[in-house]
Amino acid sequence: MARSAGSYIEMRQRRYNFFPQSFQWQGRTFHVQQVERSWSKMSGWFSRRRPRRLCFRVRTLALPSVGSPSCLPGRLDIYQDLVANTWHVDRILA
């Protein structure tokens, strides 16, 4: 089961200046334990196709927030919008 999220995230660190390593979302810091998959989404016509988004399916571990003793594991699809240079959560995977 997957939910659509579509909200902004703040990328904190990237591995090899490409793969997400840690990010902040909804007041929590998430550390990427594994990048399960990566792909790009294109835009434009045949002759001028350029990647618009870099997409990543990641397995994460969230640091506990204030008042919450447990960590939250999760699988998320996140992407970097290359035009706006912003990061977003695309889907939350169950």
PDB file of N, CA and C in Angstrom:
ATOM      1  N   MET A   1       0.843  -1.181   0.000  1.00  0.00           N
ATOM      2  CA  MET A   1       0.000   0.000   0.000  1.00  0.00           C
ATOM      3  C   MET A   1       0.887   1.243   0.000  1.00  0.00           C
ATOM      4  N   ALA A   2       0.553   2.190  -0.819  1.00  0.00           N
ATOM      5  CA  ALA A   2       1.342   3.418  -0.911  1.00  0.00           C
ATOM      6  C   ALA A   2       0.432   4.621  -0.744  1.00  0.00           C
ATOM      7  N   ARG A   3       0.944   5.624  -0.047  1.00  0.00           N
ATOM      8  CA  ARG A   3       0.230   6.892   0.092  1.00  0.00           C
ATOM      9  C   ARG A   3       1.024   7.953  -0.627  1.00  0.00           C
ATOM     10  N   SER A   4       0.328   8.895  -1.205  1.00  0.00           N
ATOM     11  CA  SER A   4       0.999  10.015  -1.849  1.00  0.00           C
ATOM     12  C   SER A   4       1.237  11.107  -0.822  1.00  0.00           C
ATOM     13  N   ALA A   5       2.406  11.694  -0.861  1.00  0.00           N
ATOM     14  CA  ALA A   5       2.748  12.707   0.130  1.00  0.00           C
ATOM     15  C   ALA A   5       2.933  14.072  -0.525  1.00  0.00           C
ATOM     16  N   GLY A   6       3.905  14.198  -1.419  1.00  0.00           N
ATOM     17  CA  GLY A   6       4.131  15.426  -2.160  1.00  0.00           C
ATOM     18  C   GLY A   6       4.592  16.630  -1.373  1.00  0.00           C
ATOM     19  N   SER A   7       5.194  16.430  -0.205  1.00  0.00           N
ATOM     20  CA  SER A   7       5.615  17.578   0.594  1.00  0.00           C
ATOM     21  C   SER A   7       7.119  17.796   0.488  1.00  0.00           C
ATOM     22  N   TYR A   8       7.531  19.015   0.807  1.00  0.00           N
ATOM     23  CA  TYR A   8       8.939  19.388   0.746  1.00  0.00           C
ATOM     24  C   TYR A   8       9.738  18.685   1.847  1.00  0.00           C
ATOM     25  N   ILE A   9      10.993  18.392   1.533  1.00  0.00           N
ATOM     26  CA  ILE A   9      11.941  17.918   2.538  1.00  0.00           C
ATOM     27  C   ILE A   9      13.204  18.762   2.420  1.00  0.00           C
ATOM     28  N   GLU A  10      13.951  18.815   3.495  1.00  0.00           N
ATOM     29  CA  GLU A  10      15.223  19.535   3.482  1.00  0.00           C
ATOM     30  C   GLU A  10      16.343  18.499   3.461  1.00  0.00           C
ATOM     31  N   MET A  11      17.054  18.440   2.357  1.00  0.00           N
ATOM     32  CA  MET A  11      18.147  17.491   2.221  1.00  0.00           C
ATOM     33  C   MET A  11      19.324  17.980   3.064  1.00  0.00           C
ATOM     34  N   ARG A  12      19.789  17.136   3.981  1.00  0.00           N
ATOM     35  CA  ARG A  12      20.892  17.502   4.874  1.00  0.00           C
ATOM     36  C   ARG A  12      22.243  17.048   4.316  1.00  0.00           C
ATOM     37  N   GLN A  13      22.304  15.787   3.874  1.00  0.00           N
ATOM     38  CA  GLN A  13      23.562  15.239   3.350  1.00  0.00           C
ATOM     39  C   GLN A  13      23.258  14.326   2.180  1.00  0.00           C
ATOM     40  N   ARG A  14      24.219  14.299   1.244  1.00  0.00           N
ATOM     41  CA  ARG A  14      24.123  13.366   0.120  1.00  0.00           C
ATOM     42  C   ARG A  14      25.402  12.549   0.061  1.00  0.00           C
ATOM     43  N   ARG A  15      25.260  11.307  -0.301  1.00  0.00           N
ATOM     44  CA  ARG A  15      26.396  10.404  -0.448  1.00  0.00           C
ATOM     45  C   ARG A  15      26.905  10.515  -1.885  1.00  0.00           C
ATOM     46  N   TYR A  16      28.188  10.709  -2.050  1.00  0.00           N
ATOM     47  CA  TYR A  16      28.834  10.880  -3.355  1.00  0.00           C
ATOM     48  C   TYR A  16      28.230  12.057  -4.125  1.00  0.00           C
ATOM     49  N   ASN A  17      27.693  13.036  -3.395  1.00  0.00           N
ATOM     50  CA  ASN A  17      27.080  14.222  -3.982  1.00  0.00           C
ATOM     51  C   ASN A  17      25.927  13.873  -4.934  1.00  0.00           C
ATOM     52  N   PHE A  18      25.294  12.715  -4.721  1.00  0.00           N
ATOM     53  CA  PHE A  18      24.202  12.270  -5.590  1.00  0.00           C
ATOM     54  C   PHE A  18      23.082  11.599  -4.795  1.00  0.00           C
ATOM     55  N   PHE A  19      23.405  10.522  -4.090  1.00  0.00           N
ATOM     56  CA  PHE A  19      22.393   9.754  -3.360  1.00  0.00           C
ATOM     57  C   PHE A  19      22.022  10.445  -2.049  1.00  0.00           C
ATOM     58  N   PRO A  20      20.734  10.446  -1.690  1.00  0.00           N
ATOM     59  CA  PRO A  20      20.350  11.027  -0.403  1.00  0.00           C
ATOM     60  C   PRO A  20      20.939  10.227   0.757  1.00  0.00           C
ATOM     61  N   GLN A  21      21.405  10.927   1.774  1.00  0.00           N
ATOM     62  CA  GLN A  21      21.976  10.270   2.953  1.00  0.00           C
ATOM     63  C   GLN A  21      21.183  10.610   4.215  1.00  0.00           C
ATOM     64  N   SER A  22      20.805  11.870   4.383  1.00  0.00           N
ATOM     65  CA  SER A  22      19.934  12.250   5.498  1.00  0.00           C
ATOM     66  C   SER A  22      19.133  13.482   5.095  1.00  0.00           C
ATOM     67  N   PHE A  23      17.906  13.558   5.628  1.00  0.00           N
ATOM     68  CA  PHE A  23      17.039  14.681   5.322  1.00  0.00           C
ATOM     69  C   PHE A  23      16.088  14.936   6.479  1.00  0.00           C
ATOM     70  N   GLN A  24      15.513  16.122   6.483  1.00  0.00           N
ATOM     71  CA  GLN A  24      14.554  16.489   7.517  1.00  0.00           C
ATOM     72  C   GLN A  24      13.183  16.634   6.873  1.00  0.00           C
ATOM     73  N   TRP A  25      12.179  16.026   7.525  1.00  0.00           N
ATOM     74  CA  TRP A  25      10.812  16.058   7.016  1.00  0.00           C
ATOM     75  C   TRP A  25       9.853  15.988   8.191  1.00  0.00           C
ATOM     76  N   GLN A  26       8.920  16.881   8.244  1.00  0.00           N
ATOM     77  CA  GLN A  26       7.903  16.945   9.289  1.00  0.00           C
ATOM     78  C   GLN A  26       8.514  16.957  10.696  1.00  0.00           C
ATOM     79  N   GLY A  27       9.587  17.712  10.856  1.00  0.00           N
ATOM     80  CA  GLY A  27      10.215  17.871  12.157  1.00  0.00           C
ATOM     81  C   GLY A  27      11.092  16.722  12.603  1.00  0.00           C
ATOM     82  N   ARG A  28      11.311  15.738  11.757  1.00  0.00           N
ATOM     83  CA  ARG A  28      12.167  14.594  12.089  1.00  0.00           C
ATOM     84  C   ARG A  28      13.326  14.516  11.113  1.00  0.00           C
ATOM     85  N   THR A  29      14.438  14.007  11.613  1.00  0.00           N
ATOM     86  CA  THR A  29      15.592  13.764  10.760  1.00  0.00           C
ATOM     87  C   THR A  29      15.601  12.296  10.375  1.00  0.00           C
ATOM     88  N   PHE A  30      15.669  12.023   9.084  1.00  0.00           N
ATOM     89  CA  PHE A  30      15.685  10.662   8.558  1.00  0.00           C
ATOM     90  C   PHE A  30      17.067  10.358   8.003  1.00  0.00           C
ATOM     91  N   HIS A  31      17.593   9.199   8.356  1.00  0.00           N
ATOM     92  CA  HIS A  31      18.866   8.727   7.820  1.00  0.00           C
ATOM     93  C   HIS A  31      18.577   7.592   6.855  1.00  0.00           C
ATOM     94  N   VAL A  32      19.120   7.694   5.660  1.00  0.00           N
ATOM     95  CA  VAL A  32      18.906   6.678   4.632  1.00  0.00           C
ATOM     96  C   VAL A  32      19.817   5.501   4.922  1.00  0.00           C
ATOM     97  N   GLN A  33      19.218   4.352   5.177  1.00  0.00           N
ATOM     98  CA  GLN A  33      19.982   3.136   5.407  1.00  0.00           C
ATOM     99  C   GLN A  33      20.325   2.447   4.092  1.00  0.00           C
ATOM    100  N   GLN A  34      19.413   2.575   3.120  1.00  0.00           N
ATOM    101  CA  GLN A  34      19.628   1.899   1.845  1.00  0.00           C
ATOM    102  C   GLN A  34      18.863   2.615   0.740  1.00  0.00           C
ATOM    103  N   VAL A  35      19.502   2.813  -0.401  1.00  0.00           N
ATOM    104  CA  VAL A  35      18.814   3.265  -1.604  1.00  0.00           C
ATOM    105  C   VAL A  35      18.471   2.003  -2.384  1.00  0.00           C
ATOM    106  N   GLU A  36      17.180   1.687  -2.451  1.00  0.00           N
ATOM    107  CA  GLU A  36      16.744   0.454  -3.097  1.00  0.00           C
ATOM    108  C   GLU A  36      16.676   0.574  -4.615  1.00  0.00           C
ATOM    109  N   ARG A  37      16.413   1.783  -5.083  1.00  0.00           N
ATOM    110  CA  ARG A  37      16.237   1.981  -6.516  1.00  0.00           C
ATOM    111  C   ARG A  37      16.426   3.455  -6.831  1.00  0.00           C
ATOM    112  N   SER A  38      16.921   3.752  -8.018  1.00  0.00           N
ATOM    113  CA  SER A  38      16.994   5.139  -8.486  1.00  0.00           C
ATOM    114  C   SER A  38      16.621   5.168  -9.966  1.00  0.00           C
ATOM    115  N   TRP A  39      15.973   6.267 -10.382  1.00  0.00           N
ATOM    116  CA  TRP A  39      15.566   6.428 -11.765  1.00  0.00           C
ATOM    117  C   TRP A  39      15.349   7.904 -12.032  1.00  0.00           C
ATOM    118  N   SER A  40      15.189   8.258 -13.297  1.00  0.00           N
ATOM    119  CA  SER A  40      14.921   9.650 -13.644  1.00  0.00           C
ATOM    120  C   SER A  40      13.629   9.731 -14.432  1.00  0.00           C
ATOM    121  N   LYS A  41      12.963  10.867 -14.307  1.00  0.00           N
ATOM    122  CA  LYS A  41      11.764  11.154 -15.092  1.00  0.00           C
ATOM    123  C   LYS A  41      12.118  12.268 -16.052  1.00  0.00           C
ATOM    124  N   MET A  42      11.757  12.059 -17.302  1.00  0.00           N
ATOM    125  CA  MET A  42      12.148  12.977 -18.363  1.00  0.00           C
ATOM    126  C   MET A  42      11.030  13.959 -18.674  1.00  0.00           C
ATOM    127  N   SER A  43      11.400  15.047 -19.339  1.00  0.00           N
ATOM    128  CA  SER A  43      10.427  16.004 -19.855  1.00  0.00           C
ATOM    129  C   SER A  43      10.906  16.478 -21.212  1.00  0.00           C
ATOM    130  N   GLY A  44      10.022  17.067 -21.967  1.00  0.00           N
ATOM    131  CA  GLY A  44      10.397  17.594 -23.275  1.00  0.00           C
ATOM    132  C   GLY A  44      10.075  16.630 -24.398  1.00  0.00           C
ATOM    133  N   TRP A  45      10.377  17.052 -25.604  1.00  0.00           N
ATOM    134  CA  TRP A  45      10.126  16.242 -26.780  1.00  0.00           C
ATOM    135  C   TRP A  45      11.308  15.331 -27.064  1.00  0.00           C
ATOM    136  N   PHE A  46      11.204  14.529 -28.098  1.00  0.00           N
ATOM    137  CA  PHE A  46      12.216  13.540 -28.459  1.00  0.00           C
ATOM    138  C   PHE A  46      13.613  14.136 -28.509  1.00  0.00           C
ATOM    139  N   SER A  47      13.766  15.211 -29.248  1.00  0.00           N
ATOM    140  CA  SER A  47      15.105  15.740 -29.498  1.00  0.00           C
ATOM    141  C   SER A  47      15.707  16.475 -28.305  1.00  0.00           C
ATOM    142  N   ARG A  48      14.874  16.932 -27.383  1.00  0.00           N
ATOM    143  CA  ARG A  48      15.403  17.717 -26.277  1.00  0.00           C
ATOM    144  C   ARG A  48      14.979  17.140 -24.927  1.00  0.00           C
ATOM    145  N   ARG A  49      14.958  15.838 -24.837  1.00  0.00           N
ATOM    146  CA  ARG A  49      14.562  15.219 -23.572  1.00  0.00           C
ATOM    147  C   ARG A  49      15.653  15.428 -22.536  1.00  0.00           C
ATOM    148  N   ARG A  50      15.250  15.943 -21.401  1.00  0.00           N
ATOM    149  CA  ARG A  50      16.170  16.163 -20.294  1.00  0.00           C
ATOM    150  C   ARG A  50      15.542  15.634 -19.029  1.00  0.00           C
ATOM    151  N   PRO A  51      16.357  15.132 -18.113  1.00  0.00           N
ATOM    152  CA  PRO A  51      15.778  14.687 -16.850  1.00  0.00           C
ATOM    153  C   PRO A  51      15.182  15.866 -16.093  1.00  0.00           C
ATOM    154  N   ARG A  52      13.976  15.701 -15.633  1.00  0.00           N
ATOM    155  CA  ARG A  52      13.315  16.730 -14.818  1.00  0.00           C
ATOM    156  C   ARG A  52      13.401  16.375 -13.340  1.00  0.00           C
ATOM    157  N   ARG A  53      13.368  15.074 -13.050  1.00  0.00           N
ATOM    158  CA  ARG A  53      13.421  14.609 -11.668  1.00  0.00           C
ATOM    159  C   ARG A  53      14.388  13.446 -11.536  1.00  0.00           C
ATOM    160  N   LEU A  54      15.125  13.441 -10.434  1.00  0.00           N
ATOM    161  CA  LEU A  54      15.897  12.280 -10.028  1.00  0.00           C
ATOM    162  C   LEU A  54      15.121  11.651  -8.876  1.00  0.00           C
ATOM    163  N   CYS A  55      14.738  10.395  -9.032  1.00  0.00           N
ATOM    164  CA  CYS A  55      13.870   9.717  -8.066  1.00  0.00           C
ATOM    165  C   CYS A  55      14.647   8.626  -7.343  1.00  0.00           C
ATOM    166  N   PHE A  56      14.312   8.420  -6.072  1.00  0.00           N
ATOM    167  CA  PHE A  56      14.987   7.428  -5.236  1.00  0.00           C
ATOM    168  C   PHE A  56      13.970   6.719  -4.358  1.00  0.00           C
ATOM    169  N   ARG A  57      14.042   5.402  -4.313  1.00  0.00           N
ATOM    170  CA  ARG A  57      13.287   4.631  -3.321  1.00  0.00           C
ATOM    171  C   ARG A  57      14.269   4.303  -2.207  1.00  0.00           C
ATOM    172  N   VAL A  58      13.969   4.798  -1.007  1.00  0.00           N
ATOM    173  CA  VAL A  58      14.910   4.674   0.103  1.00  0.00           C
ATOM    174  C   VAL A  58      14.270   3.971   1.295  1.00  0.00           C
ATOM    175  N   ARG A  59      15.107   3.290   2.039  1.00  0.00           N
ATOM    176  CA  ARG A  59      14.727   2.717   3.331  1.00  0.00           C
ATOM    177  C   ARG A  59      15.388   3.593   4.375  1.00  0.00           C
ATOM    178  N   THR A  60      14.585   4.104   5.318  1.00  0.00           N
ATOM    179  CA  THR A  60      15.089   5.096   6.258  1.00  0.00           C
ATOM    180  C   THR A  60      14.874   4.676   7.704  1.00  0.00           C
ATOM    181  N   LEU A  61      15.560   5.391   8.567  1.00  0.00           N
ATOM    182  CA  LEU A  61      15.362   5.291  10.002  1.00  0.00           C
ATOM    183  C   LEU A  61      15.292   6.724  10.512  1.00  0.00           C
ATOM    184  N   ALA A  62      14.198   7.052  11.219  1.00  0.00           N
ATOM    185  CA  ALA A  62      14.012   8.407  11.739  1.00  0.00           C
ATOM    186  C   ALA A  62      14.503   8.478  13.164  1.00  0.00           C
ATOM    187  N   LEU A  63      15.164   9.562  13.484  1.00  0.00           N
ATOM    188  CA  LEU A  63      15.535   9.805  14.874  1.00  0.00           C
ATOM    189  C   LEU A  63      14.270  10.104  15.661  1.00  0.00           C
ATOM    190  N   PRO A  64      14.203   9.683  16.930  1.00  0.00           N
ATOM    191  CA  PRO A  64      12.991   9.956  17.704  1.00  0.00           C
ATOM    192  C   PRO A  64      12.795  11.453  17.915  1.00  0.00           C
ATOM    193  N   SER A  65      11.539  11.875  17.875  1.00  0.00           N
ATOM    194  CA  SER A  65      11.239  13.279  18.148  1.00  0.00           C
ATOM    195  C   SER A  65      11.053  13.461  19.647  1.00  0.00           C
ATOM    196  N   VAL A  66      10.955  14.686  20.066  1.00  0.00           N
ATOM    197  CA  VAL A  66      10.781  14.985  21.487  1.00  0.00           C
ATOM    198  C   VAL A  66       9.476  14.344  21.968  1.00  0.00           C
ATOM    199  N   GLY A  67       9.553  13.581  23.049  1.00  0.00           N
ATOM    200  CA  GLY A  67       8.374  12.932  23.601  1.00  0.00           C
ATOM    201  C   GLY A  67       8.052  11.586  22.973  1.00  0.00           C
ATOM    202  N   SER A  68       8.807  11.163  21.976  1.00  0.00           N
ATOM    203  CA  SER A  68       8.580   9.871  21.323  1.00  0.00           C
ATOM    204  C   SER A  68       9.819   9.006  21.510  1.00  0.00           C
ATOM    205  N   PRO A  69       9.723   7.903  22.250  1.00  0.00           N
ATOM    206  CA  PRO A  69      10.903   7.108  22.558  1.00  0.00           C
ATOM    207  C   PRO A  69      11.366   6.193  21.427  1.00  0.00           C
ATOM    208  N   SER A  70      10.546   5.964  20.417  1.00  0.00           N
ATOM    209  CA  SER A  70      10.903   4.975  19.400  1.00  0.00           C
ATOM    210  C   SER A  70      11.352   5.634  18.103  1.00  0.00           C
ATOM    211  N   CYS A  71      12.083   4.865  17.316  1.00  0.00           N
ATOM    212  CA  CYS A  71      12.489   5.293  15.985  1.00  0.00           C
ATOM    213  C   CYS A  71      11.482   4.765  14.976  1.00  0.00           C
ATOM    214  N   LEU A  72      11.311   5.472  13.887  1.00  0.00           N
ATOM    215  CA  LEU A  72      10.343   5.089  12.873  1.00  0.00           C
ATOM    216  C   LEU A  72      11.056   4.613  11.615  1.00  0.00           C
ATOM    217  N   PRO A  73      11.014   3.321  11.318  1.00  0.00           N
ATOM    218  CA  PRO A  73      11.570   2.877  10.039  1.00  0.00           C
ATOM    219  C   PRO A  73      10.580   3.196   8.934  1.00  0.00           C
ATOM    220  N   GLY A  74      11.033   3.275   7.708  1.00  0.00           N
ATOM    221  CA  GLY A  74      10.107   3.545   6.621  1.00  0.00           C
ATOM    222  C   GLY A  74      10.736   3.363   5.264  1.00  0.00           C
ATOM    223  N   ARG A  75       9.864   3.210   4.288  1.00  0.00           N
ATOM    224  CA  ARG A  75      10.279   3.191   2.892  1.00  0.00           C
ATOM    225  C   ARG A  75       9.561   4.331   2.207  1.00  0.00           C
ATOM    226  N   LEU A  76      10.321   5.142   1.505  1.00  0.00           N
ATOM    227  CA  LEU A  76       9.780   6.328   0.859  1.00  0.00           C
ATOM    228  C   LEU A  76      10.298   6.428  -0.561  1.00  0.00           C
ATOM    229  N   ASP A  77       9.487   6.998  -1.431  1.00  0.00           N
ATOM    230  CA  ASP A  77       9.965   7.456  -2.726  1.00  0.00           C
ATOM    231  C   ASP A  77      10.153   8.951  -2.593  1.00  0.00           C
ATOM    232  N   ILE A  78      11.375   9.420  -2.804  1.00  0.00           N
ATOM    233  CA  ILE A  78      11.669  10.846  -2.763  1.00  0.00           C
ATOM    234  C   ILE A  78      12.265  11.252  -4.105  1.00  0.00           C
ATOM    235  N   TYR A  79      12.198  12.547  -4.411  1.00  0.00           N
ATOM    236  CA  TYR A  79      12.786  13.001  -5.670  1.00  0.00           C
ATOM    237  C   TYR A  79      13.348  14.400  -5.536  1.00  0.00           C
ATOM    238  N   GLN A  80      14.300  14.685  -6.415  1.00  0.00           N
ATOM    239  CA  GLN A  80      14.860  16.025  -6.546  1.00  0.00           C
ATOM    240  C   GLN A  80      14.296  16.632  -7.817  1.00  0.00           C
ATOM    241  N   ASP A  81      13.634  17.759  -7.697  1.00  0.00           N
ATOM    242  CA  ASP A  81      13.156  18.507  -8.851  1.00  0.00           C
ATOM    243  C   ASP A  81      14.363  19.282  -9.382  1.00  0.00           C
ATOM    244  N   LEU A  82      14.849  18.889 -10.542  1.00  0.00           N
ATOM    245  CA  LEU A  82      16.067  19.489 -11.087  1.00  0.00           C
ATOM    246  C   LEU A  82      15.856  20.909 -11.600  1.00  0.00           C
ATOM    247  N   VAL A  83      14.636  21.252 -11.946  1.00  0.00           N
ATOM    248  CA  VAL A  83      14.344  22.592 -12.436  1.00  0.00           C
ATOM    249  C   VAL A  83      14.355  23.590 -11.271  1.00  0.00           C
ATOM    250  N   ALA A  84      13.659  23.235 -10.177  1.00  0.00           N
ATOM    251  CA  ALA A  84      13.573  24.134  -9.024  1.00  0.00           C
ATOM    252  C   ALA A  84      14.668  23.880  -7.993  1.00  0.00           C
ATOM    253  N   ASN A  85      15.413  22.780  -8.156  1.00  0.00           N
ATOM    254  CA  ASN A  85      16.440  22.353  -7.203  1.00  0.00           C
ATOM    255  C   ASN A  85      15.869  22.220  -5.784  1.00  0.00           C
ATOM    256  N   THR A  86      14.743  21.498  -5.687  1.00  0.00           N
ATOM    257  CA  THR A  86      14.106  21.213  -4.404  1.00  0.00           C
ATOM    258  C   THR A  86      13.901  19.711  -4.270  1.00  0.00           C
ATOM    259  N   TRP A  87      13.727  19.251  -3.034  1.00  0.00           N
ATOM    260  CA  TRP A  87      13.506  17.834  -2.748  1.00  0.00           C
ATOM    261  C   TRP A  87      12.102  17.647  -2.187  1.00  0.00           C
ATOM    262  N   HIS A  88      11.485  16.481  -2.491  1.00  0.00           N
ATOM    263  CA  HIS A  88      10.111  16.206  -2.099  1.00  0.00           C
ATOM    264  C   HIS A  88       9.935  14.732  -1.770  1.00  0.00           C
ATOM    265  N   VAL A  89       8.951  14.445  -0.911  1.00  0.00           N
ATOM    266  CA  VAL A  89       8.496  13.069  -0.700  1.00  0.00           C
ATOM    267  C   VAL A  89       7.405  12.844  -1.729  1.00  0.00           C
ATOM    268  N   ASP A  90       7.546  11.788  -2.535  1.00  0.00           N
ATOM    269  CA  ASP A  90       6.547  11.466  -3.553  1.00  0.00           C
ATOM    270  C   ASP A  90       5.513  10.487  -2.991  1.00  0.00           C
ATOM    271  N   ARG A  91       5.992   9.388  -2.387  1.00  0.00           N
ATOM    272  CA  ARG A  91       5.073   8.382  -1.840  1.00  0.00           C
ATOM    273  C   ARG A  91       5.662   7.772  -0.576  1.00  0.00           C
ATOM    274  N   ILE A  92       4.767   7.375   0.305  1.00  0.00           N
ATOM    275  CA  ILE A  92       5.135   6.623   1.496  1.00  0.00           C
ATOM    276  C   ILE A  92       4.695   5.191   1.248  1.00  0.00           C
ATOM    277  N   LEU A  93       5.624   4.267   1.299  1.00  0.00           N
ATOM    278  CA  LEU A  93       5.338   2.866   0.989  1.00  0.00           C
ATOM    279  C   LEU A  93       5.158   2.067   2.276  1.00  0.00           C
ATOM    280  N   ALA A  94       4.180   1.184   2.251  1.00  0.00           N
ATOM    281  CA  ALA A  94       3.926   0.344   3.447  1.00  0.00           C
ATOM    282  C   ALA A  94       4.702  -0.951   3.338  1.00  0.00           C
TER     283      ALA A  94
END
